Structures are given as structure tokens and as C-alpha cells.
C-alpha atoms as a PDB file:
ATOM      1  CA  UNK A   1      10.301 -22.735 -74.559  1.00  0.00           C
ATOM      2  CA  UNK A   2       6.566 -21.382 -74.620  1.00  0.00           C
ATOM      3  CA  UNK A   3       5.528 -20.461 -71.302  1.00  0.00           C
ATOM      4  CA  UNK A   4       2.462 -18.599 -72.034  1.00  0.00           C
ATOM      5  CA  UNK A   5       0.007 -21.464 -71.605  1.00  0.00           C
ATOM      6  CA  UNK A   6       1.309 -22.302 -68.459  1.00  0.00           C
ATOM      7  CA  UNK A   7       1.077 -18.587 -67.244  1.00  0.00           C
ATOM      8  CA  UNK A   8      -2.444 -18.299 -68.441  1.00  0.00           C
ATOM      9  CA  UNK A   9      -3.397 -21.147 -66.143  1.00  0.00           C
ATOM     10  CA  UNK A  10      -1.680 -19.650 -63.216  1.00  0.00           C
ATOM     11  CA  UNK A  11      -2.885 -16.116 -63.972  1.00  0.00           C
ATOM     12  CA  UNK A  12      -6.105 -16.766 -61.686  1.00  0.00           C
ATOM     13  CA  UNK A  13      -4.041 -16.698 -58.607  1.00  0.00           C
ATOM     14  CA  UNK A  14      -5.261 -20.154 -57.407  1.00  0.00           C
ATOM     15  CA  UNK A  15      -3.060 -23.119 -56.631  1.00  0.00           C
ATOM     16  CA  UNK A  16      -2.697 -25.661 -59.239  1.00  0.00           C
ATOM     17  CA  UNK A  17      -0.954 -28.993 -58.744  1.00  0.00           C
ATOM     18  CA  UNK A  18       2.071 -29.837 -60.889  1.00  0.00           C
ATOM     19  CA  UNK A  19       0.257 -33.115 -62.008  1.00  0.00           C
ATOM     20  CA  UNK A  20      -2.984 -31.048 -63.099  1.00  0.00           C
ATOM     21  CA  UNK A  21      -0.969 -28.455 -64.925  1.00  0.00           C
ATOM     22  CA  UNK A  22       0.870 -30.958 -66.739  1.00  0.00           C
ATOM     23  CA  UNK A  23      -2.177 -32.956 -67.653  1.00  0.00           C
ATOM     24  CA  UNK A  24      -3.539 -29.779 -68.929  1.00  0.00           C
ATOM     25  CA  UNK A  25      -0.600 -28.679 -70.919  1.00  0.00           C
ATOM     26  CA  UNK A  26       0.067 -32.167 -72.162  1.00  0.00           C
ATOM     27  CA  UNK A  27       3.747 -32.175 -70.682  1.00  0.00           C
ATOM     28  CA  UNK A  28       5.586 -33.991 -67.726  1.00  0.00           C
ATOM     29  CA  UNK A  29       5.861 -32.587 -64.399  1.00  0.00           C
ATOM     30  CA  UNK A  30       9.510 -32.047 -64.841  1.00  0.00           C
ATOM     31  CA  UNK A  31       8.689 -29.859 -67.939  1.00  0.00           C
ATOM     32  CA  UNK A  32       6.125 -28.046 -65.749  1.00  0.00           C
ATOM     33  CA  UNK A  33       8.990 -27.303 -63.472  1.00  0.00           C
ATOM     34  CA  UNK A  34      11.447 -26.218 -66.026  1.00  0.00           C
ATOM     35  CA  UNK A  35       8.687 -23.699 -67.163  1.00  0.00           C
ATOM     36  CA  UNK A  36       8.124 -22.600 -63.650  1.00  0.00           C
ATOM     37  CA  UNK A  37      11.786 -21.836 -63.518  1.00  0.00           C
ATOM     38  CA  UNK A  38      11.832 -19.723 -66.599  1.00  0.00           C
ATOM     39  CA  UNK A  39       8.798 -17.550 -65.334  1.00  0.00           C
ATOM     40  CA  UNK A  40      10.520 -17.042 -61.991  1.00  0.00           C
ATOM     41  CA  UNK A  41      13.637 -15.925 -64.175  1.00  0.00           C
ATOM     42  CA  UNK A  42      11.401 -13.374 -65.803  1.00  0.00           C
ATOM     43  CA  UNK A  43      10.374 -11.930 -62.440  1.00  0.00           C
ATOM     44  CA  UNK A  44       6.947 -13.721 -62.250  1.00  0.00           C
ATOM     45  CA  UNK A  45       6.519 -14.420 -58.437  1.00  0.00           C
ATOM     46  CA  UNK A  46       5.467 -18.049 -58.534  1.00  0.00           C
ATOM     47  CA  UNK A  47       4.906 -19.667 -55.210  1.00  0.00           C
ATOM     48  CA  UNK A  48       5.312 -23.534 -54.411  1.00  0.00           C
ATOM     49  CA  UNK A  49       3.382 -25.121 -51.471  1.00  0.00           C
ATOM     50  CA  UNK A  50       3.732 -28.763 -50.680  1.00  0.00           C
ATOM     51  CA  UNK A  51       0.513 -30.410 -51.096  1.00  0.00           C
ATOM     52  CA  UNK A  52      -1.120 -27.628 -52.894  1.00  0.00           C
ATOM     53  CA  UNK A  53       1.002 -26.813 -56.081  1.00  0.00           C
ATOM     54  CA  UNK A  54       1.708 -23.620 -57.572  1.00  0.00           C
ATOM     55  CA  UNK A  55       0.255 -20.315 -57.703  1.00  0.00           C
ATOM     56  CA  UNK A  56       0.856 -16.543 -58.605  1.00  0.00           C
ATOM     57  CA  UNK A  57      -0.306 -14.724 -55.367  1.00  0.00           C
ATOM     58  CA  UNK A  58      -2.706 -12.363 -56.320  1.00  0.00           C
ATOM     59  CA  UNK A  59      -3.082 -13.509 -59.879  1.00  0.00           C
ATOM     60  CA  UNK A  60      -1.615 -11.775 -62.918  1.00  0.00           C
ATOM     61  CA  UNK A  61      -3.458  -9.690 -65.459  1.00  0.00           C
ATOM     62  CA  UNK A  62      -2.178 -10.471 -68.862  1.00  0.00           C
ATOM     63  CA  UNK A  63      -2.275  -8.246 -71.799  1.00  0.00           C
ATOM     64  CA  UNK A  64      -5.081  -9.218 -74.432  1.00  0.00           C
ATOM     65  CA  UNK A  65      -4.654  -7.936 -77.852  1.00  0.00           C
ATOM     66  CA  UNK A  66      -8.312  -8.600 -78.843  1.00  0.00           C
ATOM     67  CA  UNK A  67      -9.504  -6.882 -75.603  1.00  0.00           C
ATOM     68  CA  UNK A  68      -7.538  -4.088 -76.214  1.00  0.00           C
ATOM     69  CA  UNK A  69      -8.523  -3.537 -79.961  1.00  0.00           C
ATOM     70  CA  UNK A  70     -12.375  -3.833 -78.691  1.00  0.00           C
ATOM     71  CA  UNK A  71     -11.713  -1.040 -76.257  1.00  0.00           C
ATOM     72  CA  UNK A  72     -10.036   1.379 -78.719  1.00  0.00           C
ATOM     73  CA  UNK A  73     -11.998   4.490 -79.600  1.00  0.00           C
ATOM     74  CA  UNK A  74     -14.011   4.132 -82.947  1.00  0.00           C
ATOM     75  CA  UNK A  75     -11.754   4.585 -85.977  1.00  0.00           C
ATOM     76  CA  UNK A  76      -8.511   4.396 -84.138  1.00  0.00           C
ATOM     77  CA  UNK A  77      -7.897   0.732 -85.000  1.00  0.00           C
ATOM     78  CA  UNK A  78      -8.038   1.614 -88.796  1.00  0.00           C
ATOM     79  CA  UNK A  79      -5.024   4.046 -88.306  1.00  0.00           C
ATOM     80  CA  UNK A  80      -2.822   1.122 -87.292  1.00  0.00           C
ATOM     81  CA  UNK A  81      -0.967  -0.922 -90.053  1.00  0.00           C
ATOM     82  CA  UNK A  82      -0.175  -3.526 -87.394  1.00  0.00           C
ATOM     83  CA  UNK A  83      -0.282  -4.299 -83.687  1.00  0.00           C
ATOM     84  CA  UNK A  84       2.016  -6.797 -81.983  1.00  0.00           C
ATOM     85  CA  UNK A  85       1.939  -7.981 -78.196  1.00  0.00           C
ATOM     86  CA  UNK A  86       5.162  -9.522 -77.113  1.00  0.00           C
ATOM     87  CA  UNK A  87       5.717 -11.818 -74.086  1.00  0.00           C
ATOM     88  CA  UNK A  88       9.221 -10.535 -73.632  1.00  0.00           C
ATOM     89  CA  UNK A  89      11.201  -8.456 -75.699  1.00  0.00           C
ATOM     90  CA  UNK A  90      14.519  -6.501 -75.846  1.00  0.00           C
ATOM     91  CA  UNK A  91      12.803  -3.085 -76.446  1.00  0.00           C
ATOM     92  CA  UNK A  92       9.478  -1.978 -77.901  1.00  0.00           C
ATOM     93  CA  UNK A  93      11.086   0.880 -79.439  1.00  0.00           C
ATOM     94  CA  UNK A  94      13.611  -1.024 -81.231  1.00  0.00           C
ATOM     95  CA  UNK A  95      10.961  -3.439 -82.407  1.00  0.00           C
ATOM     96  CA  UNK A  96       8.797  -0.452 -83.645  1.00  0.00           C
ATOM     97  CA  UNK A  97      11.893   1.167 -85.521  1.00  0.00           C
ATOM     98  CA  UNK A  98      12.440  -2.360 -87.175  1.00  0.00           C
ATOM     99  CA  UNK A  99       8.613  -2.233 -88.402  1.00  0.00           C
ATOM    100  CA  UNK A 100       9.321   1.330 -89.732  1.00  0.00           C
ATOM    101  CA  UNK A 101      12.178  -0.097 -91.954  1.00  0.00           C
ATOM    102  CA  UNK A 102       9.794  -2.731 -93.302  1.00  0.00           C
ATOM    103  CA  UNK A 103       7.700   0.303 -94.896  1.00  0.00           C
ATOM    104  CA  UNK A 104       4.899   0.224 -92.338  1.00  0.00           C
ATOM    105  CA  UNK A 105       3.625   3.617 -91.754  1.00  0.00           C
ATOM    106  CA  UNK A 106       2.102   3.149 -88.478  1.00  0.00           C
ATOM    107  CA  UNK A 107       2.611   0.074 -85.993  1.00  0.00           C
ATOM    108  CA  UNK A 108       1.890  -0.501 -82.216  1.00  0.00           C
ATOM    109  CA  UNK A 109       4.238  -2.679 -80.247  1.00  0.00           C
ATOM    110  CA  UNK A 110       3.435  -3.711 -76.746  1.00  0.00           C
ATOM    111  CA  UNK A 111       5.329  -6.151 -74.358  1.00  0.00           C
ATOM    112  CA  UNK A 112       4.734  -7.669 -70.786  1.00  0.00           C
ATOM    113  CA  UNK A 113       8.421  -7.440 -70.339  1.00  0.00           C
ATOM    114  CA  UNK A 114      11.666  -5.643 -71.526  1.00  0.00           C
ATOM    115  CA  UNK A 115      15.101  -6.679 -71.033  1.00  0.00           C
ATOM    116  CA  UNK A 116      16.625  -3.566 -72.500  1.00  0.00           C
ATOM    117  CA  UNK A 117      13.962  -0.988 -71.890  1.00  0.00           C
ATOM    118  CA  UNK A 118      15.217   2.625 -72.455  1.00  0.00           C
ATOM    119  CA  UNK A 119      14.610   5.919 -71.072  1.00  0.00           C
ATOM    120  CA  UNK A 120      15.734   9.521 -72.120  1.00  0.00           C
ATOM    121  CA  UNK A 121      19.361  10.578 -71.775  1.00  0.00           C
ATOM    122  CA  UNK A 122      20.704   6.797 -71.962  1.00  0.00           C
ATOM    123  CA  UNK A 123      18.965   5.604 -68.637  1.00  0.00           C
ATOM    124  CA  UNK A 124      17.408   2.259 -68.592  1.00  0.00           C
ATOM    125  CA  UNK A 125      13.742   1.755 -68.033  1.00  0.00           C
ATOM    126  CA  UNK A 126      13.074  -0.708 -65.342  1.00  0.00           C
ATOM    127  CA  UNK A 127      10.312  -3.120 -66.957  1.00  0.00           C
ATOM    128  CA  UNK A 128       9.411  -6.031 -64.742  1.00  0.00           C
ATOM    129  CA  UNK A 129       6.995  -8.640 -66.203  1.00  0.00           C
ATOM    130  CA  UNK A 130       3.162  -8.139 -66.199  1.00  0.00           C
ATOM    131  CA  UNK A 131       3.234  -5.123 -63.908  1.00  0.00           C
ATOM    132  CA  UNK A 132       3.205  -2.135 -66.081  1.00  0.00           C
ATOM    133  CA  UNK A 133       2.443  -0.860 -69.603  1.00  0.00           C
ATOM    134  CA  UNK A 134       5.484  -0.712 -72.203  1.00  0.00           C
ATOM    135  CA  UNK A 135       4.314   0.606 -75.439  1.00  0.00           C
ATOM    136  CA  UNK A 136       5.798   2.007 -78.713  1.00  0.00           C
ATOM    137  CA  UNK A 137       3.660   3.693 -81.511  1.00  0.00           C
ATOM    138  CA  UNK A 138       5.459   4.131 -85.123  1.00  0.00           C
ATOM    139  CA  UNK A 139       4.142   7.052 -86.720  1.00  0.00           C
ATOM    140  CA  UNK A 140       5.018   8.563 -90.199  1.00  0.00           C
ATOM    141  CA  UNK A 141       4.996  12.237 -90.612  1.00  0.00           C
ATOM    142  CA  UNK A 142       5.264  14.229 -93.784  1.00  0.00           C
ATOM    143  CA  UNK A 143       6.324  17.531 -92.533  1.00  0.00           C
ATOM    144  CA  UNK A 144       9.942  16.305 -91.499  1.00  0.00           C
ATOM    145  CA  UNK A 145      11.498  16.541 -88.340  1.00  0.00           C
ATOM    146  CA  UNK A 146      11.403  20.106 -87.940  1.00  0.00           C
ATOM    147  CA  UNK A 147       7.513  19.938 -87.670  1.00  0.00           C
ATOM    148  CA  UNK A 148       7.632  17.624 -84.593  1.00  0.00           C
ATOM    149  CA  UNK A 149       8.440  20.512 -81.951  1.00  0.00           C
ATOM    150  CA  UNK A 150       6.223  19.936 -78.988  1.00  0.00           C
ATOM    151  CA  UNK A 151       5.126  16.566 -79.820  1.00  0.00           C
ATOM    152  CA  UNK A 152       7.001  15.124 -76.862  1.00  0.00           C
ATOM    153  CA  UNK A 153       5.050  17.234 -74.632  1.00  0.00           C
ATOM    154  CA  UNK A 154       1.682  16.298 -76.324  1.00  0.00           C
ATOM    155  CA  UNK A 155       2.536  12.499 -75.512  1.00  0.00           C
ATOM    156  CA  UNK A 156       2.745  13.293 -71.822  1.00  0.00           C
ATOM    157  CA  UNK A 157      -0.592  15.078 -72.096  1.00  0.00           C
ATOM    158  CA  UNK A 158      -1.995  12.028 -73.612  1.00  0.00           C
ATOM    159  CA  UNK A 159      -1.133  10.031 -70.686  1.00  0.00           C
ATOM    160  CA  UNK A 160      -2.720  12.755 -68.259  1.00  0.00           C
ATOM    161  CA  UNK A 161      -5.878  12.688 -70.547  1.00  0.00           C
ATOM    162  CA  UNK A 162      -6.010   8.971 -70.318  1.00  0.00           C
ATOM    163  CA  UNK A 163      -5.670   8.856 -66.458  1.00  0.00           C
ATOM    164  CA  UNK A 164      -8.350  11.537 -65.972  1.00  0.00           C
ATOM    165  CA  UNK A 165     -10.790   9.565 -68.016  1.00  0.00           C
ATOM    166  CA  UNK A 166     -10.321   6.539 -65.800  1.00  0.00           C
ATOM    167  CA  UNK A 167     -10.474   8.573 -62.566  1.00  0.00           C
ATOM    168  CA  UNK A 168      -6.930   8.963 -61.808  1.00  0.00           C
ATOM    169  CA  UNK A 169      -6.394  12.515 -60.207  1.00  0.00           C
ATOM    170  CA  UNK A 170      -3.561  14.524 -59.250  1.00  0.00           C
ATOM    171  CA  UNK A 171      -0.900  13.587 -62.040  1.00  0.00           C
ATOM    172  CA  UNK A 172       1.351  16.678 -63.300  1.00  0.00           C
ATOM    173  CA  UNK A 173       3.697  17.280 -66.084  1.00  0.00           C
ATOM    174  CA  UNK A 174       7.430  17.887 -66.101  1.00  0.00           C
ATOM    175  CA  UNK A 175       9.138  19.581 -68.977  1.00  0.00           C
ATOM    176  CA  UNK A 176       9.836  18.062 -71.441  1.00  0.00           C
ATOM    177  CA  UNK A 177       7.604  14.999 -71.225  1.00  0.00           C
ATOM    178  CA  UNK A 178       7.655  13.250 -67.666  1.00  0.00           C
ATOM    179  CA  UNK A 179       4.489  12.360 -65.826  1.00  0.00           C
ATOM    180  CA  UNK A 180       4.329  12.860 -62.154  1.00  0.00           C
ATOM    181  CA  UNK A 181       2.424  11.944 -59.016  1.00  0.00           C
ATOM    182  CA  UNK A 182       3.326  13.869 -56.145  1.00  0.00           C
ATOM    183  CA  UNK A 183       6.750  14.874 -57.742  1.00  0.00           C
ATOM    184  CA  UNK A 184       7.619  11.350 -58.165  1.00  0.00           C
ATOM    185  CA  UNK A 185       7.612   9.601 -61.649  1.00  0.00           C
ATOM    186  CA  UNK A 186       4.684   7.795 -62.792  1.00  0.00           C
ATOM    187  CA  UNK A 187       5.415   7.555 -66.552  1.00  0.00           C
ATOM    188  CA  UNK A 188       8.275   8.427 -69.022  1.00  0.00           C
ATOM    189  CA  UNK A 189       8.451   8.875 -72.870  1.00  0.00           C
ATOM    190  CA  UNK A 190      11.155   8.392 -75.379  1.00  0.00           C
ATOM    191  CA  UNK A 191      10.732   9.750 -78.845  1.00  0.00           C
ATOM    192  CA  UNK A 192      13.289   8.485 -81.539  1.00  0.00           C
ATOM    193  CA  UNK A 193      12.933   9.518 -85.123  1.00  0.00           C
ATOM    194  CA  UNK A 194      14.604   8.748 -88.462  1.00  0.00           C
ATOM    195  CA  UNK A 195      14.216  10.309 -91.814  1.00  0.00           C
ATOM    196  CA  UNK A 196      14.489  13.974 -93.412  1.00  0.00           C
ATOM    197  CA  UNK A 197      14.639  17.309 -91.699  1.00  0.00           C
ATOM    198  CA  UNK A 198      12.153  18.598 -94.280  1.00  0.00           C
ATOM    199  CA  UNK A 199      10.586  15.691 -95.827  1.00  0.00           C
ATOM    200  CA  UNK A 200       8.957  12.485 -94.769  1.00  0.00           C
ATOM    201  CA  UNK A 201      10.196  10.977 -91.495  1.00  0.00           C
ATOM    202  CA  UNK A 202       9.052   8.137 -89.213  1.00  0.00           C
ATOM    203  CA  UNK A 203       8.851   8.732 -85.457  1.00  0.00           C
ATOM    204  CA  UNK A 204       8.614   5.938 -82.541  1.00  0.00           C
ATOM    205  CA  UNK A 205       6.875   7.129 -79.390  1.00  0.00           C
ATOM    206  CA  UNK A 206       7.905   4.938 -76.640  1.00  0.00           C
ATOM    207  CA  UNK A 207       5.814   5.167 -73.292  1.00  0.00           C
ATOM    208  CA  UNK A 208       6.531   3.389 -70.081  1.00  0.00           C
ATOM    209  CA  UNK A 209       3.663   3.796 -67.402  1.00  0.00           C
ATOM    210  CA  UNK A 210       3.922   2.346 -63.795  1.00  0.00           C
ATOM    211  CA  UNK A 211       0.741   0.666 -63.013  1.00  0.00           C
ATOM    212  CA  UNK A 212       1.873  -1.674 -60.336  1.00  0.00           C
ATOM    213  CA  UNK A 213       5.434  -1.508 -59.789  1.00  0.00           C
ATOM    214  CA  UNK A 214       7.055  -4.530 -57.486  1.00  0.00           C
ATOM    215  CA  UNK A 215       9.066  -3.504 -54.533  1.00  0.00           C
ATOM    216  CA  UNK A 216      11.783  -5.660 -55.464  1.00  0.00           C
ATOM    217  CA  UNK A 217      12.069  -4.185 -59.010  1.00  0.00           C
ATOM    218  CA  UNK A 218      11.762  -0.553 -57.666  1.00  0.00           C
ATOM    219  CA  UNK A 219      14.963  -0.842 -55.932  1.00  0.00           C
ATOM    220  CA  UNK A 220      16.390  -0.774 -59.514  1.00  0.00           C
ATOM    221  CA  UNK A 221      15.120   2.634 -60.287  1.00  0.00           C
ATOM    222  CA  UNK A 222      17.293   5.491 -59.670  1.00  0.00           C
ATOM    223  CA  UNK A 223      14.850   8.205 -58.862  1.00  0.00           C
ATOM    224  CA  UNK A 224      11.739   8.667 -56.782  1.00  0.00           C
ATOM    225  CA  UNK A 225       8.810   7.002 -58.669  1.00  0.00           C
ATOM    226  CA  UNK A 226       5.012   5.955 -58.248  1.00  0.00           C
ATOM    227  CA  UNK A 227       2.323   3.874 -59.667  1.00  0.00           C
ATOM    228  CA  UNK A 228      -1.211   3.754 -60.218  1.00  0.00           C
ATOM    229  CA  UNK A 229      -1.988   1.378 -57.529  1.00  0.00           C
ATOM    230  CA  UNK A 230      -0.421   3.984 -55.081  1.00  0.00           C
ATOM    231  CA  UNK A 231      -2.487   6.750 -56.806  1.00  0.00           C
ATOM    232  CA  UNK A 232      -6.015   5.213 -56.409  1.00  0.00           C
ATOM    233  CA  UNK A 233      -5.362   1.995 -54.050  1.00  0.00           C
ATOM    234  CA  UNK A 234      -6.579  -0.099 -56.783  1.00  0.00           C
ATOM    235  CA  UNK A 235      -5.845  -0.944 -60.301  1.00  0.00           C
ATOM    236  CA  UNK A 236      -7.978  -0.587 -63.465  1.00  0.00           C
ATOM    237  CA  UNK A 237      -7.747  -3.272 -66.368  1.00  0.00           C
ATOM    238  CA  UNK A 238      -4.428  -2.836 -67.810  1.00  0.00           C
ATOM    239  CA  UNK A 239      -6.079  -3.589 -71.373  1.00  0.00           C
ATOM    240  CA  UNK A 240      -8.384  -0.651 -70.724  1.00  0.00           C
ATOM    241  CA  UNK A 241      -5.538   1.772 -69.640  1.00  0.00           C
ATOM    242  CA  UNK A 242      -3.630   0.744 -72.768  1.00  0.00           C
ATOM    243  CA  UNK A 243      -6.550   1.108 -75.201  1.00  0.00           C
ATOM    244  CA  UNK A 244      -7.412   4.368 -73.812  1.00  0.00           C
ATOM    245  CA  UNK A 245      -3.873   5.613 -73.796  1.00  0.00           C
ATOM    246  CA  UNK A 246      -3.570   4.498 -77.516  1.00  0.00           C
ATOM    247  CA  UNK A 247      -6.693   6.149 -78.599  1.00  0.00           C
ATOM    248  CA  UNK A 248      -5.994   9.417 -76.720  1.00  0.00           C
ATOM    249  CA  UNK A 249      -2.447   9.471 -78.315  1.00  0.00           C
ATOM    250  CA  UNK A 250      -3.557   8.959 -81.841  1.00  0.00           C
ATOM    251  CA  UNK A 251      -6.321  11.441 -81.792  1.00  0.00           C
ATOM    252  CA  UNK A 252      -4.054  14.109 -80.280  1.00  0.00           C
ATOM    253  CA  UNK A 253      -1.316  13.239 -83.023  1.00  0.00           C
ATOM    254  CA  UNK A 254      -4.245  13.733 -85.560  1.00  0.00           C
ATOM    255  CA  UNK A 255      -4.829  17.267 -84.344  1.00  0.00           C
ATOM    256  CA  UNK A 256      -1.037  18.079 -83.875  1.00  0.00           C
ATOM    257  CA  UNK A 257      -0.553  17.181 -87.616  1.00  0.00           C
ATOM    258  CA  UNK A 258      -3.071  19.996 -88.433  1.00  0.00           C
ATOM    259  CA  UNK A 259      -2.259  22.655 -85.768  1.00  0.00           C
ATOM    260  CA  UNK A 260       0.913  21.678 -84.155  1.00  0.00           C
ATOM    261  CA  UNK A 261       1.215  22.105 -80.411  1.00  0.00           C
ATOM    262  CA  UNK A 262      -0.381  25.565 -80.013  1.00  0.00           C
ATOM    263  CA  UNK A 263      -3.880  24.170 -78.998  1.00  0.00           C
ATOM    264  CA  UNK A 264      -2.283  22.309 -76.453  1.00  0.00           C
ATOM    265  CA  UNK A 265      -0.305  25.206 -74.276  1.00  0.00           C
ATOM    266  CA  UNK A 266      -3.185  25.773 -72.214  1.00  0.00           C
ATOM    267  CA  UNK A 267      -3.780  22.153 -70.969  1.00  0.00           C
ATOM    268  CA  UNK A 268       0.196  21.874 -70.529  1.00  0.00           C
ATOM    269  CA  UNK A 269       0.197  24.950 -68.138  1.00  0.00           C
ATOM    270  CA  UNK A 270      -2.879  23.603 -66.028  1.00  0.00           C
ATOM    271  CA  UNK A 271      -0.744  20.370 -65.360  1.00  0.00           C
ATOM    272  CA  UNK A 272       2.838  21.910 -65.135  1.00  0.00           C
ATOM    273  CA  UNK A 273       4.350  20.830 -61.859  1.00  0.00           C
ATOM    274  CA  UNK A 274       6.784  23.650 -61.924  1.00  0.00           C
ATOM    275  CA  UNK A 275       5.007  26.723 -63.234  1.00  0.00           C
ATOM    276  CA  UNK A 276       5.766  29.590 -61.242  1.00  0.00           C
ATOM    277  CA  UNK A 277       8.530  27.718 -59.147  1.00  0.00           C
ATOM    278  CA  UNK A 278      12.217  28.343 -59.191  1.00  0.00           C
ATOM    279  CA  UNK A 279      14.065  25.909 -61.174  1.00  0.00           C
ATOM    280  CA  UNK A 280      17.296  24.994 -62.793  1.00  0.00           C
ATOM    281  CA  UNK A 281      17.591  23.761 -66.342  1.00  0.00           C
ATOM    282  CA  UNK A 282      20.729  21.702 -66.750  1.00  0.00           C
ATOM    283  CA  UNK A 283      22.402  20.604 -69.981  1.00  0.00           C
ATOM    284  CA  UNK A 284      25.687  19.652 -70.836  1.00  0.00           C
ATOM    285  CA  UNK A 285      27.183  23.055 -71.195  1.00  0.00           C
ATOM    286  CA  UNK A 286      25.490  25.066 -68.435  1.00  0.00           C
ATOM    287  CA  UNK A 287      22.897  25.359 -65.867  1.00  0.00           C
ATOM    288  CA  UNK A 288      20.402  28.258 -66.169  1.00  0.00           C
ATOM    289  CA  UNK A 289      18.340  29.461 -63.314  1.00  0.00           C
ATOM    290  CA  UNK A 290      15.078  31.202 -63.049  1.00  0.00           C
ATOM    291  CA  UNK A 291      11.256  31.034 -62.665  1.00  0.00           C
ATOM    292  CA  UNK A 292       9.142  28.477 -64.839  1.00  0.00           C
ATOM    293  CA  UNK A 293       6.892  30.430 -66.967  1.00  0.00           C
ATOM    294  CA  UNK A 294       5.510  27.443 -68.829  1.00  0.00           C
ATOM    295  CA  UNK A 295       5.990  26.709 -72.385  1.00  0.00           C
ATOM    296  CA  UNK A 296       5.564  28.519 -75.857  1.00  0.00           C
ATOM    297  CA  UNK A 297       3.636  27.525 -78.908  1.00  0.00           C
ATOM    298  CA  UNK A 298       6.435  25.020 -79.996  1.00  0.00           C
ATOM    299  CA  UNK A 299       6.693  23.352 -76.741  1.00  0.00           C
ATOM    300  CA  UNK A 300       9.858  25.353 -75.489  1.00  0.00           C
ATOM    301  CA  UNK A 301      10.468  25.755 -71.832  1.00  0.00           C
ATOM    302  CA  UNK A 302      10.029  29.501 -70.720  1.00  0.00           C
ATOM    303  CA  UNK A 303      12.452  30.646 -68.117  1.00  0.00           C
ATOM    304  CA  UNK A 304      12.080  34.260 -66.452  1.00  0.00           C
ATOM    305  CA  UNK A 305      15.524  35.418 -64.875  1.00  0.00           C
ATOM    306  CA  UNK A 306      17.278  38.614 -64.276  1.00  0.00           C
ATOM    307  CA  UNK A 307      17.965  38.702 -67.963  1.00  0.00           C
ATOM    308  CA  UNK A 308      14.273  38.509 -68.960  1.00  0.00           C
ATOM    309  CA  UNK A 309      12.303  35.484 -70.514  1.00  0.00           C
ATOM    310  CA  UNK A 310      14.094  32.752 -72.567  1.00  0.00           C
ATOM    311  CA  UNK A 311      12.839  29.978 -74.472  1.00  0.00           C
ATOM    312  CA  UNK A 312      14.943  26.618 -73.865  1.00  0.00           C
ATOM    313  CA  UNK A 313      14.854  23.636 -76.221  1.00  0.00           C
ATOM    314  CA  UNK A 314      16.647  21.042 -74.352  1.00  0.00           C
ATOM    315  CA  UNK A 315      17.913  20.231 -70.772  1.00  0.00           C
ATOM    316  CA  UNK A 316      16.819  18.676 -67.620  1.00  0.00           C
ATOM    317  CA  UNK A 317      14.483  20.583 -65.177  1.00  0.00           C
ATOM    318  CA  UNK A 318      15.170  20.498 -61.482  1.00  0.00           C
ATOM    319  CA  UNK A 319      13.664  22.250 -58.536  1.00  0.00           C
ATOM    320  CA  UNK A 320      15.878  25.138 -57.241  1.00  0.00           C
ATOM    321  CA  UNK A 321      15.649  26.691 -53.866  1.00  0.00           C
ATOM    322  CA  UNK A 322      17.587  29.855 -55.245  1.00  0.00           C
ATOM    323  CA  UNK A 323      15.681  33.015 -55.499  1.00  0.00           C
ATOM    324  CA  UNK A 324      16.078  34.369 -59.078  1.00  0.00           C
ATOM    325  CA  UNK A 325      19.113  36.755 -59.444  1.00  0.00           C
ATOM    326  CA  UNK A 326      20.542  35.438 -56.192  1.00  0.00           C
ATOM    327  CA  UNK A 327      24.641  35.040 -56.236  1.00  0.00           C
END
């Protein structure tokens, strides 16, 4: 069942009678009702009022591939072998990995809705229809998996750069790649790689950015979160946000391929939410406590403790109230 034409008509936020919708779509009123039900099953809030018809209160801003391409920075579109926008999909990362198996070197996958969105550490990513951004970028690297150190941090910085360009202020990063607003999660990043440790490999960068999270969907999120509407009280065009983010990300990847993470260390430090604060780094094996000293040139977390400064490659950062060296 293709409900895109119906949703396009309802996207203006105005009332449309079942008869008028059926006439415009060339279907019966019963078929209109079935499509309305399908939209509701996706989480689209379609209101019905006797004598007026159906509407999506406040309207809905749909992703537009042509509009996004038009807003990409000069030269960026040429770096993409393909670009798909899906109405609903299991996971944009899974689809991007599939494209990589088809011999594409680069591919952008976006969706209005994910039924199986994934986050780091096996968590799910809440992905209600038409409210946020869910995108995955496939990119091929020749230097091997070992050369990707620091790239996950760079992806978080790409989100920060994008939002600053669009006049969103106050965002910070949490190692290794979360984007926060007032210590609440605004965006998350999931990297998945296949290939050789020392040879060619393909990386999928998945980014979920909360733009306007519905309250009902937010109840399924297991941690404090925020969205762009909260940051500024208004929301930019999602197509512009997406195009700017993809452009910034690709430009930064180009630089990373030449220079690694080193040129981005200062930018990370300037946005680090925990720099100079007592933290704990939790892994499956142990918990390490100390003061966050930023990151090194490969993106490893620097932790100062009674034993000196150590570099950490993996773990979950949490704020700590314990003083360094306390028993």
C-alpha cells in the first residue's frame, strides 16, 4: 500500500474530506480510511473531525530528495554513488551496508521512519515517523580499519558544525560520539565497518538527530534526551539540516583521509562536555575514575588519575562525584 500520495496531501496541516482525498487519489473513501489507518500505525497523528475530514495537526515536513541535493555544498553530490530516501525501513545502516556489498563505494540512505533503528552497545534508536533525521553514509577507505581511529569523534563534530551554521547554540560532545544539549542526548552515532585491518574497508556512519521528538515516542527512550525544537523554540527545514550535515560530514571525511584526527583535537576540546570534570569510564571489565583531560591525536580519551594520565580506547563515560584518589 503506497500511502505517500495521501500523506503529501495531508502534510499542509489543513482539513481534507474523505471524499476530496478519494477524488484526488483516484480511490474510494474506504480505501482512504485504510490508508489513514496505515499512517496511524506508523505513528503519524491523523485527526478525524466529523463534517471537516482528516488532517495532520501542524502539518508535517517530508524529506525531499531533490531539495536536499540542491542544498548540498558544491562538489559534494559528486562524491555520492547513490542516494535513497525511504518512507519506512528497518535500519538505514543495514541498507547502507547492503549497498556496500553491491560494490558501491559511497551511498547515502535516509528514511522517514525506522522500525529497527540501532544505537551503540546494542541499544535501540527510537525513530518515529517524520520527526527526526535518520541517515547512514557508506564510505570506502583504502587505509584499512586501523586508519579509522578518531573518525567516530569527527562525526559528532560534524553534527556540532552543522548546528552552529544553522544558529543552534549550546551543543556539546560526549566521548566518543554523543552530541548533547544541556547534558541531554541530542544525537547519536553508530559506526559499522567491514573489510581488512590493513587494506580496503567500507564504513557505514549512522546518525540519528532528534529534531522534534513527539512526547509519546520519547517515553520509549531510556535516557535524558533533547531535540532541536527545544534548543531554539523553532525548527529549520529538515531538508536543509540534512543537506548541511551530509555536506559537513563529507568535507570533514576528506580532510580526515589526508590528516587523520589530529586537526580536529582542538575543536573537540572546545565542545567537550566533561573536560576538566570528574568522570568514570565503564567497560565490561572495570571502572576507571579520574578527571577528563580531553582526547589525544587518535581520538582516545585522556584520563588523569592518581596513577598519571592514561589513554582509553573504549568505554562509557559517566559523570562522577568522587574526587580523584578518593577511596
